[in-house]
C-alpha atoms as a PDB file:
ATOM      1  CA  MET A   1     -33.841 -36.346 -27.037  1.00  0.00           C
ATOM      2  CA  PRO A   2     -31.688 -34.201 -29.336  1.00  0.00           C
ATOM      3  CA  SER A   3     -28.534 -32.648 -27.977  1.00  0.00           C
ATOM      4  CA  CYS A   4     -28.267 -28.864 -27.679  1.00  0.00           C
ATOM      5  CA  GLY A   5     -24.629 -28.923 -28.735  1.00  0.00           C
ATOM      6  CA  SER A   6     -23.266 -29.167 -25.188  1.00  0.00           C
ATOM      7  CA  SER A   7     -20.301 -31.380 -24.504  1.00  0.00           C
ATOM      8  CA  ASP A   8     -18.694 -32.904 -21.442  1.00  0.00           C
ATOM      9  CA  VAL A   9     -15.236 -32.140 -22.820  1.00  0.00           C
ATOM     10  CA  ALA A  10     -13.493 -29.285 -20.995  1.00  0.00           C
ATOM     11  CA  THR A  11     -12.544 -26.294 -23.115  1.00  0.00           C
ATOM     12  CA  GLY A  12      -9.151 -24.620 -22.975  1.00  0.00           C
ATOM     13  CA  ALA A  13     -10.524 -21.836 -20.776  1.00  0.00           C
ATOM     14  CA  GLU A  14     -12.056 -24.345 -18.352  1.00  0.00           C
ATOM     15  CA  LYS A  15      -8.770 -26.235 -18.125  1.00  0.00           C
ATOM     16  CA  ALA A  16      -6.864 -23.003 -17.424  1.00  0.00           C
ATOM     17  CA  LEU A  17      -9.337 -21.982 -14.720  1.00  0.00           C
ATOM     18  CA  ASP A  18      -9.100 -25.457 -13.152  1.00  0.00           C
ATOM     19  CA  ARG A  19      -5.286 -25.141 -12.978  1.00  0.00           C
ATOM     20  CA  ILE A  20      -5.525 -21.678 -11.396  1.00  0.00           C
ATOM     21  CA  GLU A  21      -8.109 -22.852  -8.861  1.00  0.00           C
ATOM     22  CA  ALA A  22      -6.050 -25.926  -7.985  1.00  0.00           C
ATOM     23  CA  HIS A  23      -2.998 -23.718  -7.357  1.00  0.00           C
ATOM     24  CA  TYR A  24      -4.798 -21.215  -5.117  1.00  0.00           C
ATOM     25  CA  THR A  25      -6.738 -23.803  -3.113  1.00  0.00           C
ATOM     26  CA  HIS A  26      -3.882 -26.290  -2.683  1.00  0.00           C
ATOM     27  CA  PRO A  27      -2.840 -26.512   0.999  1.00  0.00           C
ATOM     28  CA  GLY A  28       0.873 -26.103   0.175  1.00  0.00           C
ATOM     29  CA  THR A  29       1.508 -23.185  -2.166  1.00  0.00           C
ATOM     30  CA  ILE A  30       3.025 -19.719  -2.558  1.00  0.00           C
ATOM     31  CA  TYR A  31       0.611 -17.063  -3.777  1.00  0.00           C
ATOM     32  CA  THR A  32       0.353 -13.314  -4.291  1.00  0.00           C
ATOM     33  CA  THR A  33      -1.769 -10.936  -2.248  1.00  0.00           C
ATOM     34  CA  PHE A  34      -3.109  -7.481  -3.098  1.00  0.00           C
ATOM     35  CA  GLY A  35      -4.522  -4.853  -0.758  1.00  0.00           C
ATOM     36  CA  GLY A  36      -6.000  -5.168   2.693  1.00  0.00           C
ATOM     37  CA  LEU A  37      -2.822  -3.890   4.332  1.00  0.00           C
ATOM     38  CA  TYR A  38      -4.140  -0.709   5.956  1.00  0.00           C
ATOM     39  CA  PRO A  39      -6.715   1.962   5.089  1.00  0.00           C
ATOM     40  CA  SER A  40      -5.155   4.606   2.830  1.00  0.00           C
ATOM     41  CA  SER A  41      -2.057   2.469   2.180  1.00  0.00           C
ATOM     42  CA  GLY A  42      -2.557   2.451  -1.579  1.00  0.00           C
ATOM     43  CA  PHE A  43      -1.581  -0.487  -3.747  1.00  0.00           C
ATOM     44  CA  ALA A  44      -0.010  -3.157  -1.509  1.00  0.00           C
ATOM     45  CA  PRO A  45       1.259  -6.288  -3.261  1.00  0.00           C
ATOM     46  CA  GLY A  46       2.668  -9.128  -1.211  1.00  0.00           C
ATOM     47  CA  LEU A  47       3.546 -12.794  -1.054  1.00  0.00           C
ATOM     48  CA  ALA A  48       2.235 -15.506   1.216  1.00  0.00           C
ATOM     49  CA  VAL A  49       2.903 -19.184   1.721  1.00  0.00           C
ATOM     50  CA  ARG A  50       0.401 -21.784   2.888  1.00  0.00           C
ATOM     51  CA  GLN A  51       1.482 -25.213   4.127  1.00  0.00           C
ATOM     52  CA  ALA A  52      -0.360 -28.185   5.582  1.00  0.00           C
ATOM     53  CA  VAL A  53       1.446 -29.966   8.414  1.00  0.00           C
ATOM     54  CA  GLY A  54      -0.577 -32.954   9.527  1.00  0.00           C
ATOM     55  CA  PRO A  55      -3.957 -31.651  10.707  1.00  0.00           C
ATOM     56  CA  ALA A  56      -2.619 -28.085  10.971  1.00  0.00           C
ATOM     57  CA  ARG A  57      -2.597 -25.345   8.332  1.00  0.00           C
ATOM     58  CA  PHE A  58       0.138 -22.689   8.537  1.00  0.00           C
ATOM     59  CA  THR A  59       0.000 -19.444   6.549  1.00  0.00           C
ATOM     60  CA  ALA A  60       2.587 -16.642   6.604  1.00  0.00           C
ATOM     61  CA  GLY A  61       2.966 -13.613   4.409  1.00  0.00           C
ATOM     62  CA  GLY A  62       3.917 -10.015   4.035  1.00  0.00           C
ATOM     63  CA  ALA A  63       3.156  -6.955   1.940  1.00  0.00           C
ATOM     64  CA  TYR A  64       4.686  -3.582   1.113  1.00  0.00           C
ATOM     65  CA  SER A  65       2.577  -0.691  -0.130  1.00  0.00           C
ATOM     66  CA  VAL A  66       3.367   2.149  -2.510  1.00  0.00           C
ATOM     67  CA  ARG A  67       3.253   4.489   0.520  1.00  0.00           C
ATOM     68  CA  ALA A  68       5.933   2.423   2.318  1.00  0.00           C
ATOM     69  CA  TYR A  69       3.543   0.760   4.770  1.00  0.00           C
ATOM     70  CA  LYS A  70       4.637  -2.747   5.706  1.00  0.00           C
ATOM     71  CA  ALA A  71       2.793  -5.751   7.081  1.00  0.00           C
ATOM     72  CA  ALA A  72       3.615  -9.298   8.086  1.00  0.00           C
ATOM     73  CA  TYR A  73       1.261 -11.947   9.379  1.00  0.00           C
ATOM     74  CA  ALA A  74       1.073 -15.594  10.348  1.00  0.00           C
ATOM     75  CA  THR A  75      -1.845 -17.914  11.030  1.00  0.00           C
ATOM     76  CA  LEU A  76      -1.883 -21.378  12.529  1.00  0.00           C
ATOM     77  CA  GLY A  77      -5.144 -23.232  12.277  1.00  0.00           C
ATOM     78  CA  PHE A  78      -6.639 -26.630  12.907  1.00  0.00           C
ATOM     79  CA  PRO A  79      -9.658 -26.620  10.566  1.00  0.00           C
ATOM     80  CA  GLU A  80     -10.729 -30.253  10.763  1.00  0.00           C
ATOM     81  CA  LEU A  81     -11.158 -31.051  14.451  1.00  0.00           C
ATOM     82  CA  LEU A  82     -14.060 -33.113  15.777  1.00  0.00           C
ATOM     83  CA  ASN A  83     -15.023 -34.407  12.332  1.00  0.00           C
ATOM     84  CA  ASP A  84     -14.991 -30.921  10.770  1.00  0.00           C
ATOM     85  CA  LYS A  85     -17.173 -29.433  13.529  1.00  0.00           C
ATOM     86  CA  LEU A  86     -14.450 -27.380  15.248  1.00  0.00           C
ATOM     87  CA  ASP A  87     -12.014 -24.923  13.668  1.00  0.00           C
ATOM     88  CA  ILE A  88      -9.373 -23.321  15.921  1.00  0.00           C
ATOM     89  CA  GLN A  89      -7.068 -20.587  14.599  1.00  0.00           C
ATOM     90  CA  THR A  90      -4.558 -18.151  16.017  1.00  0.00           C
ATOM     91  CA  HIS A  91      -3.413 -15.033  14.168  1.00  0.00           C
ATOM     92  CA  VAL A  92      -0.421 -12.731  14.557  1.00  0.00           C
ATOM     93  CA  ARG A  93      -0.168  -9.502  12.551  1.00  0.00           C
ATOM     94  CA  TRP A  94       2.389  -6.678  12.479  1.00  0.00           C
ATOM     95  CA  VAL A  95       1.726  -3.428  10.579  1.00  0.00           C
ATOM     96  CA  ASP A  96       4.110  -0.499  10.205  1.00  0.00           C
ATOM     97  CA  ALA A  97       1.982   2.490   9.201  1.00  0.00           C
ATOM     98  CA  THR A  98       3.483   5.032  11.586  1.00  0.00           C
ATOM     99  CA  ARG A  99       3.500   7.932   9.140  1.00  0.00           C
ATOM    100  CA  THR A 100      -0.263   8.052   8.759  1.00  0.00           C
ATOM    101  CA  ARG A 101      -2.475  10.711  10.194  1.00  0.00           C
ATOM    102  CA  GLU A 102      -5.015   7.991  10.975  1.00  0.00           C
ATOM    103  CA  GLY A 103      -2.386   6.152  13.039  1.00  0.00           C
ATOM    104  CA  TRP A 104      -2.325   8.980  15.577  1.00  0.00           C
ATOM    105  CA  LYS A 105      -6.109   8.976  15.801  1.00  0.00           C
ATOM    106  CA  LEU A 106      -6.295   5.221  16.326  1.00  0.00           C
ATOM    107  CA  VAL A 107      -4.045   5.213  19.384  1.00  0.00           C
ATOM    108  CA  GLY A 108      -5.678   8.301  20.942  1.00  0.00           C
ATOM    109  CA  PHE A 109      -2.979  10.910  20.328  1.00  0.00           C
ATOM    110  CA  GLU A 110      -3.317  14.404  18.945  1.00  0.00           C
ATOM    111  CA  ARG A 111      -0.537  16.363  17.226  1.00  0.00           C
ATOM    112  CA  LEU A 112       0.205  19.738  18.778  1.00  0.00           C
ATOM    113  CA  ALA A 113       1.514  22.799  16.905  1.00  0.00           C
ATOM    114  CA  ASP A 114       5.081  22.284  18.190  1.00  0.00           C
ATOM    115  CA  GLY A 115       5.172  18.679  16.887  1.00  0.00           C
ATOM    116  CA  ALA A 116       4.645  17.073  20.291  1.00  0.00           C
ATOM    117  CA  ALA A 117       1.883  14.551  20.875  1.00  0.00           C
ATOM    118  CA  ARG A 118      -0.763  14.682  23.594  1.00  0.00           C
ATOM    119  CA  ASN A 119      -2.720  11.660  24.789  1.00  0.00           C
ATOM    120  CA  THR A 120      -6.417  12.276  24.157  1.00  0.00           C
ATOM    121  CA  GLY A 121      -7.597   8.804  25.070  1.00  0.00           C
ATOM    122  CA  THR A 122      -9.950   8.134  27.957  1.00  0.00           C
ATOM    123  CA  ARG A 123      -9.253   5.801  30.824  1.00  0.00           C
END
């Protein structure tokens, strides 16, 4: 059967994509993050580190947005328990977005004309 010109030799673009994929999927690497910090936070670049320690996977990172919102997070997971049938993870996340109007709404407070806050949440 005649060949259609296809080859099993990887092109330069394929090699570059393989290197990028290997870096981002490697269990021990530092990588960049973008967005996902908080609604209305704007552009939020950050850094994170991922490390495998025995059967555990640890991830920690942080981000800072153009509107001065800050976030830090950490995750500890055991993704390969019971022959890959059980995945247990715990997450911790801190976000500083105190200057947002949405922040007051989320915690059930309403701004009054004199600058004070009134609890509008239900019990």
